[in-house]
N, C-alpha and C. Protein backbone atom coordinates (compact mmCIF):
# COMPACT_ATOMS: atom_id res chain seq x y z
N MET A 1 -108.09 23.11 -24.56
CA MET A 1 -107.02 22.23 -24.99
C MET A 1 -107.56 21.37 -26.14
N SER A 2 -106.79 21.29 -27.18
CA SER A 2 -107.25 20.54 -28.36
C SER A 2 -107.00 19.05 -28.15
N ASP A 3 -107.64 18.26 -28.99
CA ASP A 3 -107.47 16.81 -28.92
C ASP A 3 -106.01 16.41 -29.17
N SER A 4 -105.37 17.10 -30.05
CA SER A 4 -103.97 16.82 -30.38
C SER A 4 -103.08 17.07 -29.16
N GLU A 5 -103.33 18.15 -28.46
CA GLU A 5 -102.55 18.47 -27.26
C GLU A 5 -102.80 17.43 -26.16
N ARG A 6 -104.07 17.05 -26.03
CA ARG A 6 -104.41 16.01 -25.03
C ARG A 6 -103.71 14.70 -25.37
N LEU A 7 -103.73 14.36 -26.65
CA LEU A 7 -103.09 13.12 -27.09
C LEU A 7 -101.59 13.17 -26.83
N ASP A 8 -100.96 14.30 -27.13
CA ASP A 8 -99.52 14.47 -26.86
C ASP A 8 -99.24 14.34 -25.36
N LYS A 9 -100.08 14.96 -24.57
CA LYS A 9 -99.92 14.90 -23.11
C LYS A 9 -100.07 13.46 -22.61
N LEU A 10 -101.07 12.77 -23.14
CA LEU A 10 -101.28 11.36 -22.76
C LEU A 10 -100.10 10.49 -23.17
N GLU A 11 -99.57 10.72 -24.36
CA GLU A 11 -98.42 9.95 -24.83
C GLU A 11 -97.22 10.17 -23.91
N LYS A 12 -97.00 11.42 -23.51
CA LYS A 12 -95.89 11.73 -22.60
C LYS A 12 -96.09 11.03 -21.25
N ILE A 13 -97.31 11.03 -20.77
CA ILE A 13 -97.61 10.36 -19.49
C ILE A 13 -97.37 8.85 -19.63
N VAL A 14 -97.83 8.27 -20.73
CA VAL A 14 -97.65 6.83 -20.96
C VAL A 14 -96.17 6.49 -21.06
N GLU A 15 -95.41 7.31 -21.80
CA GLU A 15 -93.96 7.08 -21.92
C GLU A 15 -93.28 7.21 -20.55
N SER A 16 -93.67 8.21 -19.81
CA SER A 16 -93.10 8.41 -18.47
C SER A 16 -93.42 7.22 -17.56
N ASN A 17 -94.65 6.77 -17.61
CA ASN A 17 -95.04 5.61 -16.81
C ASN A 17 -94.29 4.36 -17.24
N ALA A 18 -94.11 4.19 -18.55
CA ALA A 18 -93.38 3.02 -19.06
C ALA A 18 -91.94 3.05 -18.57
N ARG A 19 -91.30 4.22 -18.61
CA ARG A 19 -89.92 4.34 -18.10
C ARG A 19 -89.87 4.04 -16.60
N ALA A 20 -90.84 4.56 -15.87
CA ALA A 20 -90.88 4.32 -14.42
C ALA A 20 -91.07 2.83 -14.13
N ILE A 21 -91.95 2.19 -14.88
CA ILE A 21 -92.18 0.75 -14.68
C ILE A 21 -90.92 -0.04 -15.01
N GLU A 22 -90.26 0.34 -16.10
CA GLU A 22 -89.03 -0.36 -16.49
C GLU A 22 -87.94 -0.17 -15.42
N THR A 23 -87.81 1.04 -14.92
CA THR A 23 -86.83 1.32 -13.86
C THR A 23 -87.15 0.51 -12.61
N LEU A 24 -88.41 0.48 -12.23
CA LEU A 24 -88.81 -0.30 -11.05
C LEU A 24 -88.55 -1.78 -11.25
N ALA A 25 -88.85 -2.28 -12.45
CA ALA A 25 -88.62 -3.70 -12.73
C ALA A 25 -87.13 -4.02 -12.65
N ASN A 26 -86.29 -3.13 -13.19
CA ASN A 26 -84.84 -3.35 -13.13
C ASN A 26 -84.34 -3.31 -11.69
N GLU A 27 -84.82 -2.35 -10.93
CA GLU A 27 -84.42 -2.26 -9.52
C GLU A 27 -84.88 -3.49 -8.74
N TRP A 28 -86.08 -3.93 -9.02
CA TRP A 28 -86.61 -5.12 -8.35
C TRP A 28 -85.74 -6.34 -8.68
N GLN A 29 -85.33 -6.46 -9.94
CA GLN A 29 -84.47 -7.58 -10.34
C GLN A 29 -83.12 -7.50 -9.63
N LYS A 30 -82.56 -6.29 -9.55
CA LYS A 30 -81.28 -6.12 -8.84
C LYS A 30 -81.44 -6.51 -7.37
N ASP A 31 -82.52 -6.04 -6.74
CA ASP A 31 -82.76 -6.37 -5.34
C ASP A 31 -82.91 -7.88 -5.15
N ARG A 32 -83.59 -8.51 -6.08
CA ARG A 32 -83.77 -9.97 -6.01
C ARG A 32 -82.44 -10.70 -6.10
N GLU A 33 -81.59 -10.27 -7.04
CA GLU A 33 -80.27 -10.89 -7.19
C GLU A 33 -79.41 -10.65 -5.96
N GLU A 34 -79.49 -9.45 -5.41
CA GLU A 34 -78.72 -9.14 -4.21
C GLU A 34 -79.20 -9.98 -3.02
N ALA A 35 -80.50 -10.12 -2.88
CA ALA A 35 -81.05 -10.95 -1.81
C ALA A 35 -80.62 -12.40 -1.97
N LYS A 36 -80.60 -12.87 -3.20
CA LYS A 36 -80.17 -14.25 -3.48
C LYS A 36 -78.70 -14.42 -3.08
N LYS A 37 -77.88 -13.43 -3.41
CA LYS A 37 -76.45 -13.47 -3.06
C LYS A 37 -76.29 -13.50 -1.54
N TYR A 38 -77.02 -12.63 -0.83
CA TYR A 38 -76.92 -12.58 0.63
C TYR A 38 -77.43 -13.87 1.27
N ARG A 39 -78.48 -14.43 0.71
CA ARG A 39 -79.01 -15.69 1.24
C ARG A 39 -77.98 -16.81 1.07
N LYS A 40 -77.34 -16.85 -0.10
CA LYS A 40 -76.30 -17.86 -0.34
C LYS A 40 -75.15 -17.68 0.65
N GLN A 41 -74.75 -16.43 0.85
CA GLN A 41 -73.68 -16.13 1.80
C GLN A 41 -74.06 -16.57 3.22
N MET A 42 -75.30 -16.30 3.59
CA MET A 42 -75.77 -16.68 4.92
C MET A 42 -75.72 -18.20 5.10
N TYR A 43 -76.15 -18.95 4.08
CA TYR A 43 -76.12 -20.40 4.17
C TYR A 43 -74.68 -20.91 4.25
N GLU A 44 -73.76 -20.25 3.54
CA GLU A 44 -72.35 -20.64 3.64
C GLU A 44 -71.83 -20.40 5.05
N TRP A 45 -72.19 -19.27 5.64
CA TRP A 45 -71.77 -18.98 7.02
C TRP A 45 -72.36 -19.99 7.99
N MET A 46 -73.62 -20.33 7.77
CA MET A 46 -74.25 -21.32 8.65
C MET A 46 -73.57 -22.68 8.53
N ALA A 47 -73.17 -23.04 7.31
CA ALA A 47 -72.47 -24.31 7.11
C ALA A 47 -71.12 -24.29 7.82
N ARG A 48 -70.41 -23.16 7.70
CA ARG A 48 -69.11 -23.06 8.39
C ARG A 48 -69.29 -23.10 9.90
N LEU A 49 -70.33 -22.44 10.39
CA LEU A 49 -70.61 -22.45 11.83
C LEU A 49 -70.91 -23.88 12.30
N SER A 50 -71.71 -24.59 11.53
CA SER A 50 -72.04 -25.98 11.89
C SER A 50 -70.79 -26.84 11.91
N ALA A 51 -69.92 -26.66 10.92
CA ALA A 51 -68.67 -27.42 10.87
C ALA A 51 -67.79 -27.07 12.07
N SER A 52 -67.74 -25.79 12.42
CA SER A 52 -66.94 -25.37 13.57
C SER A 52 -67.49 -25.96 14.86
N GLN A 53 -68.80 -25.97 14.99
CA GLN A 53 -69.42 -26.56 16.18
C GLN A 53 -69.12 -28.05 16.25
N ALA A 54 -69.19 -28.73 15.12
CA ALA A 54 -68.89 -30.16 15.10
C ALA A 54 -67.45 -30.40 15.52
N ASN A 55 -66.52 -29.57 15.01
CA ASN A 55 -65.12 -29.70 15.41
C ASN A 55 -64.95 -29.44 16.90
N PHE A 56 -65.64 -28.44 17.42
CA PHE A 56 -65.55 -28.14 18.84
C PHE A 56 -66.00 -29.34 19.67
N TRP A 57 -67.15 -29.91 19.33
CA TRP A 57 -67.67 -31.03 20.12
C TRP A 57 -66.79 -32.26 19.98
N GLU A 58 -66.17 -32.43 18.82
CA GLU A 58 -65.24 -33.55 18.65
C GLU A 58 -64.01 -33.35 19.54
N MET A 59 -63.50 -32.12 19.56
CA MET A 59 -62.35 -31.83 20.43
C MET A 59 -62.73 -31.99 21.90
N GLN A 60 -63.93 -31.56 22.25
CA GLN A 60 -64.41 -31.70 23.62
C GLN A 60 -64.48 -33.18 24.01
N ALA A 61 -64.99 -34.00 23.10
CA ALA A 61 -65.08 -35.44 23.37
C ALA A 61 -63.69 -36.04 23.52
N ASP A 62 -62.74 -35.62 22.67
CA ASP A 62 -61.36 -36.10 22.78
C ASP A 62 -60.77 -35.71 24.13
N TYR A 63 -61.02 -34.47 24.55
CA TYR A 63 -60.51 -34.00 25.83
C TYR A 63 -61.03 -34.88 26.97
N TYR A 64 -62.33 -35.14 26.99
CA TYR A 64 -62.89 -35.96 28.06
C TYR A 64 -62.40 -37.41 27.98
N ARG A 65 -62.17 -37.90 26.76
CA ARG A 65 -61.64 -39.25 26.61
C ARG A 65 -60.22 -39.32 27.18
N HIS A 66 -59.40 -38.31 26.88
CA HIS A 66 -58.04 -38.27 27.43
C HIS A 66 -58.07 -38.11 28.95
N LEU A 67 -58.97 -37.29 29.43
CA LEU A 67 -59.12 -37.11 30.87
C LEU A 67 -59.47 -38.43 31.54
N LYS A 68 -60.36 -39.19 30.94
CA LYS A 68 -60.75 -40.51 31.46
C LYS A 68 -59.55 -41.45 31.45
N ASP A 69 -58.76 -41.41 30.36
CA ASP A 69 -57.56 -42.24 30.29
C ASP A 69 -56.59 -41.90 31.43
N VAL A 70 -56.41 -40.60 31.68
CA VAL A 70 -55.52 -40.17 32.77
C VAL A 70 -56.06 -40.67 34.11
N GLU A 71 -57.36 -40.54 34.32
CA GLU A 71 -57.96 -41.02 35.56
C GLU A 71 -57.77 -42.53 35.71
N ASP A 72 -57.96 -43.27 34.63
CA ASP A 72 -57.77 -44.72 34.68
C ASP A 72 -56.33 -45.08 35.00
N ARG A 73 -55.39 -44.38 34.38
CA ARG A 73 -53.96 -44.65 34.65
C ARG A 73 -53.60 -44.29 36.09
N GLN A 74 -54.17 -43.19 36.56
CA GLN A 74 -53.92 -42.79 37.95
C GLN A 74 -54.45 -43.86 38.90
N ALA A 75 -55.64 -44.37 38.63
CA ALA A 75 -56.20 -45.41 39.47
C ALA A 75 -55.33 -46.66 39.43
N MET A 76 -54.83 -47.01 38.23
CA MET A 76 -53.97 -48.18 38.09
C MET A 76 -52.66 -47.98 38.87
N MET A 77 -52.09 -46.78 38.78
CA MET A 77 -50.85 -46.50 39.51
C MET A 77 -51.08 -46.56 41.01
N LEU A 78 -52.22 -46.04 41.47
CA LEU A 78 -52.52 -46.11 42.90
C LEU A 78 -52.69 -47.55 43.36
N GLU A 79 -53.32 -48.35 42.51
CA GLU A 79 -53.50 -49.76 42.85
C GLU A 79 -52.14 -50.46 42.95
N ILE A 80 -51.26 -50.19 42.00
CA ILE A 80 -49.91 -50.78 42.03
C ILE A 80 -49.17 -50.28 43.26
N LEU A 81 -49.26 -49.00 43.53
CA LEU A 81 -48.58 -48.42 44.69
C LEU A 81 -49.10 -49.03 45.98
N ASN A 82 -50.41 -49.23 46.06
CA ASN A 82 -50.99 -49.86 47.26
C ASN A 82 -50.49 -51.29 47.42
N ARG A 83 -50.39 -52.03 46.31
CA ARG A 83 -49.88 -53.41 46.40
C ARG A 83 -48.43 -53.43 46.86
N VAL A 84 -47.63 -52.54 46.30
CA VAL A 84 -46.21 -52.50 46.65
C VAL A 84 -46.05 -52.11 48.12
N THR A 85 -46.78 -51.12 48.55
CA THR A 85 -46.64 -50.68 49.94
C THR A 85 -47.21 -51.70 50.91
N SER A 86 -48.26 -52.42 50.50
CA SER A 86 -48.80 -53.44 51.40
C SER A 86 -47.85 -54.62 51.51
N LYS A 87 -47.12 -54.95 50.44
CA LYS A 87 -46.12 -56.03 50.50
C LYS A 87 -44.97 -55.62 51.40
N ASP A 88 -44.59 -54.34 51.33
CA ASP A 88 -43.51 -53.86 52.18
C ASP A 88 -43.90 -53.94 53.66
N LYS A 89 -45.16 -53.67 53.95
CA LYS A 89 -45.63 -53.73 55.33
C LYS A 89 -45.68 -55.17 55.82
N GLU A 90 -46.02 -56.11 54.92
CA GLU A 90 -46.12 -57.51 55.30
C GLU A 90 -44.74 -58.12 55.50
N GLY A 91 -43.82 -57.71 54.70
CA GLY A 91 -42.52 -58.37 54.69
C GLY A 91 -41.54 -57.74 55.56
């Protein structure tokens, strides 16, 4: 094989390697952008989940507060009922 043929072969190998490197770099950049997009999406989902959990716990607290109000009113009504019935027994 002559020097010229070797040089041509080396040039083809270098060009092929350069194209492969460029392709890999482009694919790597695409993968990076895609990962960034997915990471952003994941953080958005996590934020929505956190907001939903906060709403749930707020509703839960409201429920227990209303339940306590009902219990307090029931106790008040029983107290009034006991007073009324005890007056009826006395009188």
